[in-house]
Structures are given as structure tokens and as C-alpha cells.
Amino acid sequence: MAVLETTLKITNKVGLHARPARLLVQTAASFRAHISLQVGEKVANAKSILAVLKLGVPQGTEILVRAEGDDAEPALVAIAALARRNFDEDA
């Protein structure tokens, strides 16, 4: 089973507040892989909105995204693309 990880920098103005966290969780939930986010010592299930919000990720924070499962690679690609688009907040 594939285990992959990548580091993403959160660059949107208010970090992972409710709306971008919801988009991240929805994206993660569309994959079978187990996906987690890590900020410092805090680790959260990327498919849980409460867990993601509890990380308290402000702008400029780097997060480690880890995916484990058959579709780990496309999951990381989709989450990274979402972060690069600033969670569509500039639209």
C-alpha cells in the first residue's frame, strides 16, 4: 500500500478557516486513502472538518499532508492543487 506525503504552504489570507477547511475535507473524502494533516505535533484526519479546524492553521503555515492507500497519489495531487489555488478564495 502506497504511503506518500508532501508539504504545502497555506497562502490564502485567513488560513484554513471554515470555508477552505470544508473544501479540503470534501476533496479528501472523495478518495479511499487515509489522509492526515500535520502541523508541528498536531495531527488531524483530513476527512474530519472539526479535526482540521482544531489545527488552527493561519496564513503562512506549512502543513504535512500524508496519504496512505491505493489512491494516495491522486489524493495528494488534488489537495495540493486546491491549496495552490488558495482554496478558490481569489475568485
N, C-alpha and C. Protein backbone atom coordinates (compact mmCIF):
# COMPACT_ATOMS: atom_id res chain seq x y z
N MET A 1 0.84 -1.17 0.00
CA MET A 1 0.00 0.00 0.00
C MET A 1 0.90 1.25 0.00
N ALA A 2 0.59 2.17 -0.88
CA ALA A 2 1.40 3.37 -1.03
C ALA A 2 1.19 4.34 0.13
N VAL A 3 2.29 4.88 0.64
CA VAL A 3 2.25 5.94 1.64
C VAL A 3 3.07 7.09 1.07
N LEU A 4 2.40 8.21 0.83
CA LEU A 4 3.06 9.36 0.24
C LEU A 4 2.80 10.58 1.10
N GLU A 5 3.71 11.55 1.03
CA GLU A 5 3.47 12.79 1.76
C GLU A 5 4.07 13.96 1.01
N THR A 6 3.53 15.12 1.30
CA THR A 6 4.01 16.35 0.70
C THR A 6 3.80 17.47 1.71
N THR A 7 4.57 18.52 1.57
CA THR A 7 4.42 19.69 2.42
C THR A 7 3.81 20.81 1.60
N LEU A 8 2.78 21.44 2.16
CA LEU A 8 2.10 22.54 1.49
C LEU A 8 2.16 23.78 2.37
N LYS A 9 2.31 24.93 1.73
CA LYS A 9 2.25 26.19 2.46
C LYS A 9 0.87 26.79 2.25
N ILE A 10 0.21 27.13 3.32
CA ILE A 10 -1.12 27.73 3.26
C ILE A 10 -0.94 29.23 3.03
N THR A 11 -1.35 29.70 1.86
CA THR A 11 -1.08 31.09 1.49
C THR A 11 -2.32 31.97 1.42
N ASN A 12 -3.51 31.38 1.51
CA ASN A 12 -4.69 32.24 1.47
C ASN A 12 -4.76 33.11 2.73
N LYS A 13 -5.41 34.25 2.64
CA LYS A 13 -5.33 35.30 3.66
C LYS A 13 -5.68 34.87 5.07
N VAL A 14 -6.67 34.02 5.23
CA VAL A 14 -7.09 33.67 6.59
C VAL A 14 -6.78 32.23 6.98
N GLY A 15 -5.94 31.57 6.22
CA GLY A 15 -5.56 30.20 6.56
C GLY A 15 -6.70 29.21 6.36
N LEU A 16 -6.67 28.13 7.14
CA LEU A 16 -7.69 27.09 7.00
C LEU A 16 -8.88 27.39 7.91
N HIS A 17 -9.61 28.44 7.61
CA HIS A 17 -10.85 28.73 8.34
C HIS A 17 -11.95 27.84 7.77
N ALA A 18 -13.18 28.08 8.13
CA ALA A 18 -14.28 27.16 7.82
C ALA A 18 -14.42 26.81 6.34
N ARG A 19 -14.45 27.81 5.46
CA ARG A 19 -14.69 27.52 4.04
C ARG A 19 -13.57 26.70 3.40
N PRO A 20 -12.30 27.13 3.50
CA PRO A 20 -11.25 26.30 2.89
C PRO A 20 -11.11 24.94 3.57
N ALA A 21 -11.35 24.88 4.87
CA ALA A 21 -11.29 23.59 5.56
C ALA A 21 -12.36 22.65 5.01
N ARG A 22 -13.56 23.19 4.75
CA ARG A 22 -14.64 22.39 4.18
C ARG A 22 -14.24 21.86 2.80
N LEU A 23 -13.64 22.72 1.97
CA LEU A 23 -13.20 22.28 0.65
C LEU A 23 -12.13 21.19 0.74
N LEU A 24 -11.21 21.36 1.67
CA LEU A 24 -10.15 20.36 1.86
C LEU A 24 -10.76 19.03 2.29
N VAL A 25 -11.68 19.07 3.25
CA VAL A 25 -12.33 17.85 3.74
C VAL A 25 -13.13 17.17 2.63
N GLN A 26 -13.86 17.96 1.85
CA GLN A 26 -14.63 17.39 0.74
C GLN A 26 -13.71 16.73 -0.28
N THR A 27 -12.59 17.37 -0.56
CA THR A 27 -11.63 16.79 -1.51
C THR A 27 -11.06 15.49 -0.95
N ALA A 28 -10.63 15.52 0.31
CA ALA A 28 -10.06 14.32 0.93
C ALA A 28 -11.08 13.18 0.97
N ALA A 29 -12.33 13.51 1.25
CA ALA A 29 -13.37 12.48 1.38
C ALA A 29 -13.69 11.81 0.05
N SER A 30 -13.29 12.42 -1.05
CA SER A 30 -13.58 11.81 -2.35
C SER A 30 -12.59 10.70 -2.72
N PHE A 31 -11.63 10.43 -1.82
CA PHE A 31 -10.63 9.37 -2.05
C PHE A 31 -10.75 8.31 -0.97
N ARG A 32 -10.36 7.10 -1.30
CA ARG A 32 -10.38 5.99 -0.33
C ARG A 32 -9.20 6.05 0.63
N ALA A 33 -8.12 6.67 0.22
CA ALA A 33 -6.90 6.70 1.04
C ALA A 33 -7.17 7.35 2.39
N HIS A 34 -6.41 6.92 3.39
CA HIS A 34 -6.42 7.59 4.69
C HIS A 34 -5.52 8.81 4.53
N ILE A 35 -6.05 10.00 4.82
CA ILE A 35 -5.30 11.23 4.62
C ILE A 35 -5.24 11.98 5.93
N SER A 36 -4.02 12.39 6.31
CA SER A 36 -3.87 13.16 7.54
C SER A 36 -3.09 14.43 7.27
N LEU A 37 -3.31 15.40 8.14
CA LEU A 37 -2.59 16.67 8.10
C LEU A 37 -1.80 16.80 9.39
N GLN A 38 -0.58 17.33 9.28
CA GLN A 38 0.22 17.52 10.48
C GLN A 38 0.79 18.93 10.48
N VAL A 39 0.62 19.59 11.62
CA VAL A 39 1.19 20.91 11.86
C VAL A 39 1.92 20.81 13.19
N GLY A 40 3.24 20.86 13.15
CA GLY A 40 4.00 20.66 14.38
C GLY A 40 3.73 19.27 14.93
N GLU A 41 3.29 19.21 16.17
CA GLU A 41 2.98 17.93 16.81
C GLU A 41 1.52 17.52 16.63
N LYS A 42 0.69 18.42 16.11
CA LYS A 42 -0.74 18.15 15.94
C LYS A 42 -0.98 17.40 14.64
N VAL A 43 -1.78 16.33 14.73
CA VAL A 43 -2.14 15.54 13.56
C VAL A 43 -3.67 15.47 13.50
N ALA A 44 -4.22 15.62 12.29
CA ALA A 44 -5.67 15.58 12.13
C ALA A 44 -6.05 14.71 10.94
N ASN A 45 -7.19 14.06 11.05
CA ASN A 45 -7.78 13.32 9.95
C ASN A 45 -8.30 14.35 8.96
N ALA A 46 -7.82 14.32 7.73
CA ALA A 46 -8.21 15.32 6.73
C ALA A 46 -9.65 15.16 6.27
N LYS A 47 -10.33 14.11 6.70
CA LYS A 47 -11.73 13.91 6.32
C LYS A 47 -12.69 14.38 7.42
N SER A 48 -12.15 15.00 8.46
CA SER A 48 -12.96 15.49 9.58
C SER A 48 -12.85 17.01 9.67
N ILE A 49 -13.95 17.71 9.45
CA ILE A 49 -13.92 19.17 9.49
C ILE A 49 -13.50 19.67 10.87
N LEU A 50 -14.00 19.05 11.94
CA LEU A 50 -13.63 19.50 13.28
C LEU A 50 -12.14 19.31 13.54
N ALA A 51 -11.61 18.18 13.11
CA ALA A 51 -10.18 17.91 13.31
C ALA A 51 -9.32 18.92 12.55
N VAL A 52 -9.72 19.24 11.32
CA VAL A 52 -8.96 20.20 10.51
C VAL A 52 -9.02 21.59 11.14
N LEU A 53 -10.20 22.01 11.56
CA LEU A 53 -10.35 23.33 12.18
C LEU A 53 -9.56 23.43 13.48
N LYS A 54 -9.50 22.34 14.25
CA LYS A 54 -8.77 22.35 15.52
C LYS A 54 -7.27 22.54 15.34
N LEU A 55 -6.76 22.30 14.13
CA LEU A 55 -5.34 22.53 13.88
C LEU A 55 -5.01 24.02 13.99
N GLY A 56 -5.99 24.88 13.70
CA GLY A 56 -5.78 26.32 13.80
C GLY A 56 -4.67 26.81 12.88
N VAL A 57 -4.80 26.57 11.59
CA VAL A 57 -3.74 26.86 10.62
C VAL A 57 -3.89 28.28 10.06
N PRO A 58 -2.99 29.20 10.46
CA PRO A 58 -3.04 30.56 9.90
C PRO A 58 -2.27 30.64 8.57
N GLN A 59 -2.43 31.77 7.90
CA GLN A 59 -1.69 32.02 6.66
C GLN A 59 -0.19 31.88 6.90
N GLY A 60 0.48 31.29 5.93
CA GLY A 60 1.94 31.13 6.00
C GLY A 60 2.41 29.85 6.65
N THR A 61 1.50 29.07 7.20
CA THR A 61 1.85 27.82 7.88
C THR A 61 2.12 26.72 6.86
N GLU A 62 3.13 25.92 7.14
CA GLU A 62 3.38 24.74 6.31
C GLU A 62 2.73 23.54 6.98
N ILE A 63 2.02 22.76 6.19
CA ILE A 63 1.39 21.55 6.72
C ILE A 63 1.93 20.34 5.96
N LEU A 64 2.07 19.26 6.67
CA LEU A 64 2.48 17.99 6.07
C LEU A 64 1.20 17.21 5.77
N VAL A 65 1.03 16.82 4.53
CA VAL A 65 -0.14 16.04 4.12
C VAL A 65 0.37 14.63 3.82
N ARG A 66 -0.22 13.65 4.49
CA ARG A 66 0.18 12.25 4.29
C ARG A 66 -1.03 11.46 3.83
N ALA A 67 -0.84 10.67 2.79
CA ALA A 67 -1.91 9.83 2.26
C ALA A 67 -1.42 8.39 2.18
N GLU A 68 -2.28 7.49 2.61
CA GLU A 68 -1.94 6.07 2.60
C GLU A 68 -3.08 5.29 1.97
N GLY A 69 -2.77 4.58 0.89
CA GLY A 69 -3.79 3.79 0.21
C GLY A 69 -3.54 3.73 -1.28
N ASP A 70 -4.39 2.99 -1.97
CA ASP A 70 -4.23 2.79 -3.40
C ASP A 70 -4.32 4.08 -4.21
N ASP A 71 -5.13 5.02 -3.75
CA ASP A 71 -5.28 6.27 -4.49
C ASP A 71 -4.59 7.44 -3.77
N ALA A 72 -3.51 7.15 -3.05
CA ALA A 72 -2.78 8.17 -2.30
C ALA A 72 -2.22 9.26 -3.21
N GLU A 73 -1.66 8.86 -4.34
CA GLU A 73 -1.04 9.86 -5.22
C GLU A 73 -2.06 10.84 -5.79
N PRO A 74 -3.16 10.38 -6.39
CA PRO A 74 -4.13 11.36 -6.89
C PRO A 74 -4.75 12.20 -5.76
N ALA A 75 -4.86 11.64 -4.57
CA ALA A 75 -5.38 12.41 -3.44
C ALA A 75 -4.46 13.57 -3.11
N LEU A 76 -3.15 13.30 -3.04
CA LEU A 76 -2.20 14.37 -2.75
C LEU A 76 -2.17 15.41 -3.86
N VAL A 77 -2.26 14.97 -5.10
CA VAL A 77 -2.28 15.90 -6.23
C VAL A 77 -3.48 16.82 -6.13
N ALA A 78 -4.65 16.27 -5.82
CA ALA A 78 -5.88 17.08 -5.74
C ALA A 78 -5.81 18.08 -4.58
N ILE A 79 -5.31 17.66 -3.43
CA ILE A 79 -5.22 18.54 -2.27
C ILE A 79 -4.19 19.64 -2.52
N ALA A 80 -3.06 19.28 -3.12
CA ALA A 80 -2.03 20.27 -3.43
C ALA A 80 -2.56 21.30 -4.43
N ALA A 81 -3.32 20.85 -5.43
CA ALA A 81 -3.89 21.77 -6.41
C ALA A 81 -4.86 22.73 -5.74
N LEU A 82 -5.65 22.24 -4.82
CA LEU A 82 -6.60 23.07 -4.10
C LEU A 82 -5.86 24.14 -3.29
N ALA A 83 -4.79 23.75 -2.61
CA ALA A 83 -4.00 24.71 -1.83
C ALA A 83 -3.33 25.74 -2.74
N ARG A 84 -2.80 25.30 -3.89
CA ARG A 84 -2.16 26.23 -4.82
C ARG A 84 -3.16 27.25 -5.36
N ARG A 85 -4.42 26.86 -5.46
CA ARG A 85 -5.46 27.79 -5.92
C ARG A 85 -5.99 28.65 -4.78
N ASN A 86 -5.34 28.59 -3.62
CA ASN A 86 -5.78 29.34 -2.44
C ASN A 86 -7.22 29.00 -2.08
N PHE A 87 -7.59 27.73 -2.26
CA PHE A 87 -8.92 27.25 -1.92
C PHE A 87 -10.01 28.06 -2.62
N ASP A 88 -9.66 28.52 -3.82
CA ASP A 88 -10.57 29.27 -4.69
C ASP A 88 -11.09 30.56 -4.06
N GLU A 89 -10.34 31.12 -3.12
CA GLU A 89 -10.77 32.33 -2.44
C GLU A 89 -10.45 33.60 -3.23
N ASP A 90 -9.61 33.52 -4.23
CA ASP A 90 -9.26 34.70 -5.02
C ASP A 90 -10.24 34.92 -6.17
N ALA A 91 -11.16 33.97 -6.32
CA ALA A 91 -12.10 34.04 -7.46
C ALA A 91 -13.21 35.06 -7.20
